[in-house]
Amino acid sequence: MEDEEKPFKIELVSNATVTRLVRKLAHQIQDNGFSPDIVVCIARGGYVPARLLCDFLNIFNLASMRIRHYTGSDKSEAAELVEKLSMDVGGNKILLVIRGIPCK
């Protein structure tokens, strides 16, 4: 019997919900004493939360890179780096945003 992949589960959320959840995350980051110099997002799912985190944490440096796992609905065996990091982040404290807010 072949292993069947479970269907990809998504949850559509409003902009207001995303903003509220990212603001909560920003408070948790501040409460833990982490003060990043730069936010790095993995395109595409990380763009919106990364941009909001920059606003809430008063960070002006935002970089991105793109990794491909899917072509259409087909998942690749391994991730492929499609676009390298958009700036040099050496020597910086980095907050990495991989994708949107995980569901609980």
PDB file of N, CA and C in Angstrom:
ATOM      1  N   MET A   1       0.836  -1.175   0.000  1.00  0.00           N
ATOM      2  CA  MET A   1       0.000   0.000   0.000  1.00  0.00           C
ATOM      3  C   MET A   1       0.880   1.238   0.000  1.00  0.00           C
ATOM      4  N   GLU A   2       0.632   2.113  -0.930  1.00  0.00           N
ATOM      5  CA  GLU A   2       1.428   3.346  -1.052  1.00  0.00           C
ATOM      6  C   GLU A   2       1.079   4.321   0.046  1.00  0.00           C
ATOM      7  N   ASP A   3       2.107   5.051   0.497  1.00  0.00           N
ATOM      8  CA  ASP A   3       1.853   6.111   1.468  1.00  0.00           C
ATOM      9  C   ASP A   3       1.086   7.230   0.785  1.00  0.00           C
ATOM     10  N   GLU A   4      -0.045   7.561   1.346  1.00  0.00           N
ATOM     11  CA  GLU A   4      -0.819   8.663   0.796  1.00  0.00           C
ATOM     12  C   GLU A   4      -0.505   9.918   1.573  1.00  0.00           C
ATOM     13  N   GLU A   5      -0.277  11.005   0.836  1.00  0.00           N
ATOM     14  CA  GLU A   5      -0.016  12.282   1.483  1.00  0.00           C
ATOM     15  C   GLU A   5      -1.308  12.858   2.008  1.00  0.00           C
ATOM     16  N   LYS A   6      -1.232  13.417   3.204  1.00  0.00           N
ATOM     17  CA  LYS A   6      -2.406  14.067   3.777  1.00  0.00           C
ATOM     18  C   LYS A   6      -2.672  15.349   3.004  1.00  0.00           C
ATOM     19  N   PRO A   7      -3.942  15.716   2.870  1.00  0.00           N
ATOM     20  CA  PRO A   7      -4.240  16.966   2.155  1.00  0.00           C
ATOM     21  C   PRO A   7      -3.609  18.161   2.865  1.00  0.00           C
ATOM     22  N   PHE A   8      -3.192  19.114   2.066  1.00  0.00           N
ATOM     23  CA  PHE A   8      -2.581  20.342   2.578  1.00  0.00           C
ATOM     24  C   PHE A   8      -3.669  21.167   3.243  1.00  0.00           C
ATOM     25  N   LYS A   9      -3.534  21.413   4.542  1.00  0.00           N
ATOM     26  CA  LYS A   9      -4.562  22.141   5.290  1.00  0.00           C
ATOM     27  C   LYS A   9      -4.203  23.617   5.366  1.00  0.00           C
ATOM     28  N   ILE A  10      -5.129  24.457   5.021  1.00  0.00           N
ATOM     29  CA  ILE A  10      -4.928  25.898   5.146  1.00  0.00           C
ATOM     30  C   ILE A  10      -6.097  26.497   5.908  1.00  0.00           C
ATOM     31  N   GLU A  11      -5.829  27.627   6.490  1.00  0.00           N
ATOM     32  CA  GLU A  11      -6.881  28.374   7.168  1.00  0.00           C
ATOM     33  C   GLU A  11      -6.800  29.813   6.675  1.00  0.00           C
ATOM     34  N   LEU A  12      -7.868  30.299   6.095  1.00  0.00           N
ATOM     35  CA  LEU A  12      -7.904  31.679   5.638  1.00  0.00           C
ATOM     36  C   LEU A  12      -8.220  32.575   6.821  1.00  0.00           C
ATOM     37  N   VAL A  13      -7.402  33.600   7.002  1.00  0.00           N
ATOM     38  CA  VAL A  13      -7.616  34.534   8.104  1.00  0.00           C
ATOM     39  C   VAL A  13      -7.673  35.955   7.558  1.00  0.00           C
ATOM     40  N   SER A  14      -8.341  36.800   8.282  1.00  0.00           N
ATOM     41  CA  SER A  14      -8.480  38.195   7.847  1.00  0.00           C
ATOM     42  C   SER A  14      -7.190  38.963   8.120  1.00  0.00           C
ATOM     43  N   ASN A  15      -7.059  40.101   7.469  1.00  0.00           N
ATOM     44  CA  ASN A  15      -5.915  40.980   7.730  1.00  0.00           C
ATOM     45  C   ASN A  15      -5.882  41.411   9.188  1.00  0.00           C
ATOM     46  N   ALA A  16      -7.047  41.667   9.756  1.00  0.00           N
ATOM     47  CA  ALA A  16      -7.110  42.081  11.159  1.00  0.00           C
ATOM     48  C   ALA A  16      -6.587  40.980  12.077  1.00  0.00           C
ATOM     49  N   THR A  17      -6.905  39.738  11.769  1.00  0.00           N
ATOM     50  CA  THR A  17      -6.426  38.612  12.574  1.00  0.00           C
ATOM     51  C   THR A  17      -4.918  38.459  12.436  1.00  0.00           C
ATOM     52  N   VAL A  18      -4.417  38.547  11.224  1.00  0.00           N
ATOM     53  CA  VAL A  18      -2.964  38.459  11.013  1.00  0.00           C
ATOM     54  C   VAL A  18      -2.255  39.564  11.794  1.00  0.00           C
ATOM     55  N   THR A  19      -2.757  40.782  11.702  1.00  0.00           N
ATOM     56  CA  THR A  19      -2.149  41.911  12.413  1.00  0.00           C
ATOM     57  C   THR A  19      -2.165  41.684  13.920  1.00  0.00           C
ATOM     58  N   ARG A  20      -3.285  41.213  14.447  1.00  0.00           N
ATOM     59  CA  ARG A  20      -3.399  40.954  15.883  1.00  0.00           C
ATOM     60  C   ARG A  20      -2.412  39.877  16.325  1.00  0.00           C
ATOM     61  N   LEU A  21      -2.304  38.797  15.556  1.00  0.00           N
ATOM     62  CA  LEU A  21      -1.397  37.705  15.912  1.00  0.00           C
ATOM     63  C   LEU A  21       0.071  38.123  15.819  1.00  0.00           C
ATOM     64  N   VAL A  22       0.406  38.907  14.798  1.00  0.00           N
ATOM     65  CA  VAL A  22       1.789  39.369  14.650  1.00  0.00           C
ATOM     66  C   VAL A  22       2.133  40.373  15.751  1.00  0.00           C
ATOM     67  N   ARG A  23       1.186  41.222  16.129  1.00  0.00           N
ATOM     68  CA  ARG A  23       1.426  42.158  17.233  1.00  0.00           C
ATOM     69  C   ARG A  23       1.697  41.381  18.529  1.00  0.00           C
ATOM     70  N   LYS A  24       0.926  40.321  18.755  1.00  0.00           N
ATOM     71  CA  LYS A  24       1.133  39.468  19.938  1.00  0.00           C
ATOM     72  C   LYS A  24       2.522  38.832  19.887  1.00  0.00           C
ATOM     73  N   LEU A  25       2.916  38.351  18.725  1.00  0.00           N
ATOM     74  CA  LEU A  25       4.253  37.766  18.558  1.00  0.00           C
ATOM     75  C   LEU A  25       5.338  38.802  18.830  1.00  0.00           C
ATOM     76  N   ALA A  26       5.146  40.015  18.346  1.00  0.00           N
ATOM     77  CA  ALA A  26       6.124  41.091  18.572  1.00  0.00           C
ATOM     78  C   ALA A  26       6.287  41.365  20.068  1.00  0.00           C
ATOM     79  N   HIS A  27       5.177  41.355  20.804  1.00  0.00           N
ATOM     80  CA  HIS A  27       5.252  41.552  22.260  1.00  0.00           C
ATOM     81  C   HIS A  27       6.019  40.409  22.925  1.00  0.00           C
ATOM     82  N   GLN A  28       5.803  39.183  22.456  1.00  0.00           N
ATOM     83  CA  GLN A  28       6.525  38.028  23.010  1.00  0.00           C
ATOM     84  C   GLN A  28       8.018  38.141  22.739  1.00  0.00           C
ATOM     85  N   ILE A  29       8.375  38.596  21.553  1.00  0.00           N
ATOM     86  CA  ILE A  29       9.789  38.778  21.203  1.00  0.00           C
ATOM     87  C   ILE A  29      10.413  39.825  22.116  1.00  0.00           C
ATOM     88  N   GLN A  30       9.722  40.947  22.302  1.00  0.00           N
ATOM     89  CA  GLN A  30      10.223  42.003  23.187  1.00  0.00           C
ATOM     90  C   GLN A  30      10.318  41.516  24.631  1.00  0.00           C
ATOM     91  N   ASP A  31       9.293  40.800  25.101  1.00  0.00           N
ATOM     92  CA  ASP A  31       9.281  40.299  26.475  1.00  0.00           C
ATOM     93  C   ASP A  31      10.421  39.320  26.742  1.00  0.00           C
ATOM     94  N   ASN A  32      10.871  38.621  25.688  1.00  0.00           N
ATOM     95  CA  ASN A  32      11.987  37.678  25.830  1.00  0.00           C
ATOM     96  C   ASN A  32      13.339  38.364  25.725  1.00  0.00           C
ATOM     97  N   GLY A  33      13.336  39.670  25.478  1.00  0.00           N
ATOM     98  CA  GLY A  33      14.572  40.430  25.447  1.00  0.00           C
ATOM     99  C   GLY A  33      15.353  40.331  24.149  1.00  0.00           C
ATOM    100  N   PHE A  34      14.752  39.760  23.111  1.00  0.00           N
ATOM    101  CA  PHE A  34      15.449  39.673  21.826  1.00  0.00           C
ATOM    102  C   PHE A  34      15.231  40.964  21.052  1.00  0.00           C
ATOM    103  N   SER A  35      16.311  41.540  20.592  1.00  0.00           N
ATOM    104  CA  SER A  35      16.247  42.790  19.851  1.00  0.00           C
ATOM    105  C   SER A  35      16.979  42.624  18.518  1.00  0.00           C
ATOM    106  N   PRO A  36      16.272  42.125  17.503  1.00  0.00           N
ATOM    107  CA  PRO A  36      16.930  41.856  16.218  1.00  0.00           C
ATOM    108  C   PRO A  36      17.342  43.138  15.497  1.00  0.00           C
ATOM    109  N   ASP A  37      18.405  43.023  14.715  1.00  0.00           N
ATOM    110  CA  ASP A  37      18.859  44.123  13.866  1.00  0.00           C
ATOM    111  C   ASP A  37      18.152  44.106  12.519  1.00  0.00           C
ATOM    112  N   ILE A  38      17.761  42.910  12.092  1.00  0.00           N
ATOM    113  CA  ILE A  38      17.180  42.736  10.766  1.00  0.00           C
ATOM    114  C   ILE A  38      16.159  41.607  10.795  1.00  0.00           C
ATOM    115  N   VAL A  39      15.133  41.757   9.984  1.00  0.00           N
ATOM    116  CA  VAL A  39      14.156  40.692   9.790  1.00  0.00           C
ATOM    117  C   VAL A  39      14.422  40.098   8.410  1.00  0.00           C
ATOM    118  N   VAL A  40      14.517  38.773   8.362  1.00  0.00           N
ATOM    119  CA  VAL A  40      14.697  38.056   7.098  1.00  0.00           C
ATOM    120  C   VAL A  40      13.463  37.199   6.895  1.00  0.00           C
ATOM    121  N   CYS A  41      12.848  37.347   5.726  1.00  0.00           N
ATOM    122  CA  CYS A  41      11.673  36.529   5.455  1.00  0.00           C
ATOM    123  C   CYS A  41      11.948  35.583   4.301  1.00  0.00           C
ATOM    124  N   ILE A  42      11.297  34.436   4.393  1.00  0.00           N
ATOM    125  CA  ILE A  42      11.316  33.476   3.301  1.00  0.00           C
ATOM    126  C   ILE A  42      10.065  33.754   2.477  1.00  0.00           C
ATOM    127  N   ALA A  43      10.283  34.131   1.217  1.00  0.00           N
ATOM    128  CA  ALA A  43       9.159  34.465   0.348  1.00  0.00           C
ATOM    129  C   ALA A  43       8.389  33.186   0.040  1.00  0.00           C
ATOM    130  N   ARG A  44       7.181  33.263  -0.086  1.00  0.00           N
ATOM    131  CA  ARG A  44       6.207  34.316  -0.133  1.00  0.00           C
ATOM    132  C   ARG A  44       5.436  34.408   1.160  1.00  0.00           C
ATOM    133  N   GLY A  45       5.290  33.302   1.857  1.00  0.00           N
ATOM    134  CA  GLY A  45       4.473  33.284   3.060  1.00  0.00           C
ATOM    135  C   GLY A  45       4.951  34.176   4.178  1.00  0.00           C
ATOM    136  N   GLY A  46       6.228  34.527   4.178  1.00  0.00           N
ATOM    137  CA  GLY A  46       6.765  35.328   5.261  1.00  0.00           C
ATOM    138  C   GLY A  46       6.683  36.827   5.066  1.00  0.00           C
ATOM    139  N   TYR A  47       6.319  37.288   3.867  1.00  0.00           N
ATOM    140  CA  TYR A  47       6.354  38.732   3.586  1.00  0.00           C
ATOM    141  C   TYR A  47       5.474  39.569   4.518  1.00  0.00           C
ATOM    142  N   VAL A  48       4.213  39.242   4.619  1.00  0.00           N
ATOM    143  CA  VAL A  48       3.296  40.078   5.392  1.00  0.00           C
ATOM    144  C   VAL A  48       3.646  40.072   6.874  1.00  0.00           C
ATOM    145  N   PRO A  49       3.820  38.893   7.500  1.00  0.00           N
ATOM    146  CA  PRO A  49       4.188  38.938   8.918  1.00  0.00           C
ATOM    147  C   PRO A  49       5.546  39.604   9.154  1.00  0.00           C
ATOM    148  N   ALA A  50       6.486  39.428   8.244  1.00  0.00           N
ATOM    149  CA  ALA A  50       7.806  40.052   8.414  1.00  0.00           C
ATOM    150  C   ALA A  50       7.695  41.573   8.367  1.00  0.00           C
ATOM    151  N   ARG A  51       6.919  42.083   7.428  1.00  0.00           N
ATOM    152  CA  ARG A  51       6.744  43.530   7.300  1.00  0.00           C
ATOM    153  C   ARG A  51       6.064  44.105   8.541  1.00  0.00           C
ATOM    154  N   LEU A  52       5.060  43.412   9.036  1.00  0.00           N
ATOM    155  CA  LEU A  52       4.378  43.866  10.248  1.00  0.00           C
ATOM    156  C   LEU A  52       5.309  43.810  11.461  1.00  0.00           C
ATOM    157  N   LEU A  53       6.103  42.756  11.566  1.00  0.00           N
ATOM    158  CA  LEU A  53       7.060  42.670  12.669  1.00  0.00           C
ATOM    159  C   LEU A  53       8.044  43.838  12.629  1.00  0.00           C
ATOM    160  N   CYS A  54       8.466  44.218  11.434  1.00  0.00           N
ATOM    161  CA  CYS A  54       9.347  45.385  11.310  1.00  0.00           C
ATOM    162  C   CYS A  54       8.676  46.626  11.892  1.00  0.00           C
ATOM    163  N   ASP A  55       7.414  46.816  11.579  1.00  0.00           N
ATOM    164  CA  ASP A  55       6.677  47.964  12.111  1.00  0.00           C
ATOM    165  C   ASP A  55       6.573  47.907  13.632  1.00  0.00           C
ATOM    166  N   PHE A  56       6.133  46.770  14.157  1.00  0.00           N
ATOM    167  CA  PHE A  56       5.884  46.647  15.590  1.00  0.00           C
ATOM    168  C   PHE A  56       7.168  46.667  16.422  1.00  0.00           C
ATOM    169  N   LEU A  57       8.276  46.203  15.845  1.00  0.00           N
ATOM    170  CA  LEU A  57       9.553  46.162  16.573  1.00  0.00           C
ATOM    171  C   LEU A  57      10.468  47.331  16.222  1.00  0.00           C
ATOM    172  N   ASN A  58       9.974  48.238  15.363  1.00  0.00           N
ATOM    173  CA  ASN A  58      10.743  49.416  14.951  1.00  0.00           C
ATOM    174  C   ASN A  58      12.075  49.025  14.307  1.00  0.00           C
ATOM    175  N   ILE A  59      11.987  48.086  13.371  1.00  0.00           N
ATOM    176  CA  ILE A  59      13.154  47.599  12.629  1.00  0.00           C
ATOM    177  C   ILE A  59      13.033  48.102  11.194  1.00  0.00           C
ATOM    178  N   PHE A  60      14.103  48.683  10.685  1.00  0.00           N
ATOM    179  CA  PHE A  60      14.052  49.248   9.342  1.00  0.00           C
ATOM    180  C   PHE A  60      14.728  48.372   8.295  1.00  0.00           C
ATOM    181  N   ASN A  61      15.399  47.304   8.725  1.00  0.00           N
ATOM    182  CA  ASN A  61      16.089  46.411   7.795  1.00  0.00           C
ATOM    183  C   ASN A  61      15.277  45.146   7.578  1.00  0.00           C
ATOM    184  N   LEU A  62      14.873  44.935   6.323  1.00  0.00           N
ATOM    185  CA  LEU A  62      14.097  43.759   5.946  1.00  0.00           C
ATOM    186  C   LEU A  62      14.726  43.153   4.701  1.00  0.00           C
ATOM    187  N   ALA A  63      15.078  41.885   4.788  1.00  0.00           N
ATOM    188  CA  ALA A  63      15.659  41.167   3.649  1.00  0.00           C
ATOM    189  C   ALA A  63      14.790  39.954   3.350  1.00  0.00           C
ATOM    190  N   SER A  64      14.941  39.430   2.145  1.00  0.00           N
ATOM    191  CA  SER A  64      14.154  38.259   1.785  1.00  0.00           C
ATOM    192  C   SER A  64      14.969  37.297   0.943  1.00  0.00           C
ATOM    193  N   MET A  65      14.497  36.077   0.906  1.00  0.00           N
ATOM    194  CA  MET A  65      15.023  35.047   0.018  1.00  0.00           C
ATOM    195  C   MET A  65      13.852  34.150  -0.354  1.00  0.00           C
ATOM    196  N   ARG A  66      14.014  33.389  -1.424  1.00  0.00           N
ATOM    197  CA  ARG A  66      12.904  32.552  -1.871  1.00  0.00           C
ATOM    198  C   ARG A  66      13.370  31.112  -2.015  1.00  0.00           C
ATOM    199  N   ILE A  67      12.599  30.234  -1.424  1.00  0.00           N
ATOM    200  CA  ILE A  67      12.856  28.806  -1.483  1.00  0.00           C
ATOM    201  C   ILE A  67      11.621  28.144  -2.060  1.00  0.00           C
ATOM    202  N   ARG A  68      11.830  27.198  -2.974  1.00  0.00           N
ATOM    203  CA  ARG A  68      10.691  26.520  -3.606  1.00  0.00           C
ATOM    204  C   ARG A  68      10.603  25.085  -3.079  1.00  0.00           C
ATOM    205  N   HIS A  69       9.413  24.750  -2.584  1.00  0.00           N
ATOM    206  CA  HIS A  69       9.109  23.382  -2.171  1.00  0.00           C
ATOM    207  C   HIS A  69       8.079  22.762  -3.101  1.00  0.00           C
ATOM    208  N   TYR A  70       7.299  23.615  -3.743  1.00  0.00           N
ATOM    209  CA  TYR A  70       6.179  23.154  -4.551  1.00  0.00           C
ATOM    210  C   TYR A  70       6.275  23.703  -5.963  1.00  0.00           C
ATOM    211  N   THR A  71       5.830  22.899  -6.909  1.00  0.00           N
ATOM    212  CA  THR A  71       5.562  23.354  -8.266  1.00  0.00           C
ATOM    213  C   THR A  71       4.104  23.010  -8.498  1.00  0.00           C
ATOM    214  N   GLY A  72       3.262  24.025  -8.504  1.00  0.00           N
ATOM    215  CA  GLY A  72       1.825  23.782  -8.525  1.00  0.00           C
ATOM    216  C   GLY A  72       1.434  23.131  -7.215  1.00  0.00           C
ATOM    217  N   SER A  73       0.806  21.977  -7.275  1.00  0.00           N
ATOM    218  CA  SER A  73       0.423  21.270  -6.049  1.00  0.00           C
ATOM    219  C   SER A  73       1.372  20.112  -5.731  1.00  0.00           C
ATOM    220  N   ASP A  74       2.436  19.945  -6.544  1.00  0.00           N
ATOM    221  CA  ASP A  74       3.395  18.862  -6.335  1.00  0.00           C
ATOM    222  C   ASP A  74       4.538  19.315  -5.440  1.00  0.00           C
ATOM    223  N   LYS A  75       4.746  18.586  -4.347  1.00  0.00           N
ATOM    224  CA  LYS A  75       5.816  18.907  -3.404  1.00  0.00           C
ATOM    225  C   LYS A  75       7.111  18.252  -3.868  1.00  0.00           C
ATOM    226  N   SER A  76       8.192  19.027  -3.872  1.00  0.00           N
ATOM    227  CA  SER A  76       9.498  18.521  -4.262  1.00  0.00           C
ATOM    228  C   SER A  76      10.104  17.691  -3.140  1.00  0.00           C
ATOM    229  N   GLU A  77      11.040  16.818  -3.505  1.00  0.00           N
ATOM    230  CA  GLU A  77      11.775  16.021  -2.515  1.00  0.00           C
ATOM    231  C   GLU A  77      12.582  16.926  -1.587  1.00  0.00           C
ATOM    232  N   ALA A  78      13.218  17.933  -2.171  1.00  0.00           N
ATOM    233  CA  ALA A  78      14.069  18.838  -1.389  1.00  0.00           C
ATOM    234  C   ALA A  78      13.750  20.280  -1.762  1.00  0.00           C
ATOM    235  N   ALA A  79      13.995  21.170  -0.814  1.00  0.00           N
ATOM    236  CA  ALA A  79      13.792  22.594  -1.076  1.00  0.00           C
ATOM    237  C   ALA A  79      14.877  23.085  -2.035  1.00  0.00           C
ATOM    238  N   GLU A  80      14.505  24.044  -2.852  1.00  0.00           N
ATOM    239  CA  GLU A  80      15.438  24.620  -3.820  1.00  0.00           C
ATOM    240  C   GLU A  80      15.538  26.131  -3.574  1.00  0.00           C
ATOM    241  N   LEU A  81      16.760  26.627  -3.426  1.00  0.00           N
ATOM    242  CA  LEU A  81      16.974  28.062  -3.273  1.00  0.00           C
ATOM    243  C   LEU A  81      16.798  28.715  -4.636  1.00  0.00           C
ATOM    244  N   VAL A  82      15.782  29.551  -4.758  1.00  0.00           N
ATOM    245  CA  VAL A  82      15.448  30.189  -6.034  1.00  0.00           C
ATOM    246  C   VAL A  82      16.038  31.591  -6.101  1.00  0.00           C
ATOM    247  N   GLU A  83      15.952  32.343  -5.010  1.00  0.00           N
ATOM    248  CA  GLU A  83      16.545  33.680  -4.934  1.00  0.00           C
ATOM    249  C   GLU A  83      17.328  33.780  -3.636  1.00  0.00           C
ATOM    250  N   LYS A  84      18.601  34.152  -3.771  1.00  0.00           N
ATOM    251  CA  LYS A  84      19.459  34.283  -2.596  1.00  0.00           C
ATOM    252  C   LYS A  84      19.033  35.468  -1.740  1.00  0.00           C
ATOM    253  N   LEU A  85      19.561  35.487  -0.550  1.00  0.00           N
ATOM    254  CA  LEU A  85      19.287  36.576   0.382  1.00  0.00           C
ATOM    255  C   LEU A  85      19.554  37.915  -0.296  1.00  0.00           C
ATOM    256  N   SER A  86      18.652  38.851  -0.114  1.00  0.00           N
ATOM    257  CA  SER A  86      18.703  40.116  -0.846  1.00  0.00           C
ATOM    258  C   SER A  86      19.736  41.110  -0.316  1.00  0.00           C
ATOM    259  N   MET A  87      20.349  40.832   0.826  1.00  0.00           N
ATOM    260  CA  MET A  87      21.396  41.724   1.348  1.00  0.00           C
ATOM    261  C   MET A  87      22.304  40.948   2.282  1.00  0.00           C
ATOM    262  N   ASP A  88      23.460  41.508   2.567  1.00  0.00           N
ATOM    263  CA  ASP A  88      24.404  40.907   3.497  1.00  0.00           C
ATOM    264  C   ASP A  88      23.889  41.116   4.912  1.00  0.00           C
ATOM    265  N   VAL A  89      23.769  40.033   5.671  1.00  0.00           N
ATOM    266  CA  VAL A  89      23.251  40.129   7.030  1.00  0.00           C
ATOM    267  C   VAL A  89      24.310  39.753   8.072  1.00  0.00           C
ATOM    268  N   GLY A  90      25.537  39.595   7.606  1.00  0.00           N
ATOM    269  CA  GLY A  90      26.619  39.205   8.505  1.00  0.00           C
ATOM    270  C   GLY A  90      26.760  40.147   9.687  1.00  0.00           C
ATOM    271  N   GLY A  91      26.976  39.565  10.871  1.00  0.00           N
ATOM    272  CA  GLY A  91      27.180  40.350  12.076  1.00  0.00           C
ATOM    273  C   GLY A  91      25.918  40.915  12.697  1.00  0.00           C
ATOM    274  N   ASN A  92      24.762  40.592  12.147  1.00  0.00           N
ATOM    275  CA  ASN A  92      23.485  41.096  12.658  1.00  0.00           C
ATOM    276  C   ASN A  92      22.736  40.031  13.444  1.00  0.00           C
ATOM    277  N   LYS A  93      21.908  40.481  14.385  1.00  0.00           N
ATOM    278  CA  LYS A  93      20.959  39.591  15.058  1.00  0.00           C
ATOM    279  C   LYS A  93      19.751  39.494  14.133  1.00  0.00           C
ATOM    280  N   ILE A  94      19.422  38.288  13.725  1.00  0.00           N
ATOM    281  CA  ILE A  94      18.408  38.057  12.692  1.00  0.00           C
ATOM    282  C   ILE A  94      17.152  37.444  13.286  1.00  0.00           C
ATOM    283  N   LEU A  95      16.011  37.986  12.883  1.00  0.00           N
ATOM    284  CA  LEU A  95      14.718  37.375  13.160  1.00  0.00           C
ATOM    285  C   LEU A  95      14.249  36.779  11.833  1.00  0.00           C
ATOM    286  N   LEU A  96      14.143  35.453  11.767  1.00  0.00           N
ATOM    287  CA  LEU A  96      13.762  34.762  10.544  1.00  0.00           C
ATOM    288  C   LEU A  96      12.278  34.453  10.567  1.00  0.00           C
ATOM    289  N   VAL A  97      11.568  34.894   9.528  1.00  0.00           N
ATOM    290  CA  VAL A  97      10.133  34.645   9.400  1.00  0.00           C
ATOM    291  C   VAL A  97       9.946  33.717   8.209  1.00  0.00           C
ATOM    292  N   ILE A  98       9.532  32.498   8.503  1.00  0.00           N
ATOM    293  CA  ILE A  98       9.479  31.475   7.456  1.00  0.00           C
ATOM    294  C   ILE A  98       8.167  31.464   6.707  1.00  0.00           C
ATOM    295  N   ARG A  99       7.073  31.552   7.402  1.00  0.00           N
ATOM    296  CA  ARG A  99       5.771  31.610   6.737  1.00  0.00           C
ATOM    297  C   ARG A  99       4.777  32.261   7.670  1.00  0.00           C
ATOM    298  N   GLY A 100       3.545  32.314   7.236  1.00  0.00           N
ATOM    299  CA  GLY A 100       2.524  32.978   8.033  1.00  0.00           C
ATOM    300  C   GLY A 100       2.381  32.404   9.428  1.00  0.00           C
ATOM    301  N   ILE A 101       1.468  32.926  10.160  1.00  0.00           N
ATOM    302  CA  ILE A 101       1.255  32.557  11.548  1.00  0.00           C
ATOM    303  C   ILE A 101       0.764  31.102  11.609  1.00  0.00           C
ATOM    304  N   PRO A 102       1.451  30.264  12.392  1.00  0.00           N
ATOM    305  CA  PRO A 102       0.994  28.879  12.510  1.00  0.00           C
ATOM    306  C   PRO A 102      -0.344  28.799  13.252  1.00  0.00           C
ATOM    307  N   CYS A 103      -1.158  27.863  12.896  1.00  0.00           N
ATOM    308  CA  CYS A 103      -2.458  27.666  13.560  1.00  0.00           C
ATOM    309  C   CYS A 103      -2.249  26.877  14.841  1.00  0.00           C
ATOM    310  N   LYS A 104      -3.029  27.179  15.863  1.00  0.00           N
ATOM    311  CA  LYS A 104      -2.980  26.393  17.102  1.00  0.00           C
ATOM    312  C   LYS A 104      -4.009  25.296  17.056  1.00  0.00           C
TER     313      LYS A 104
END
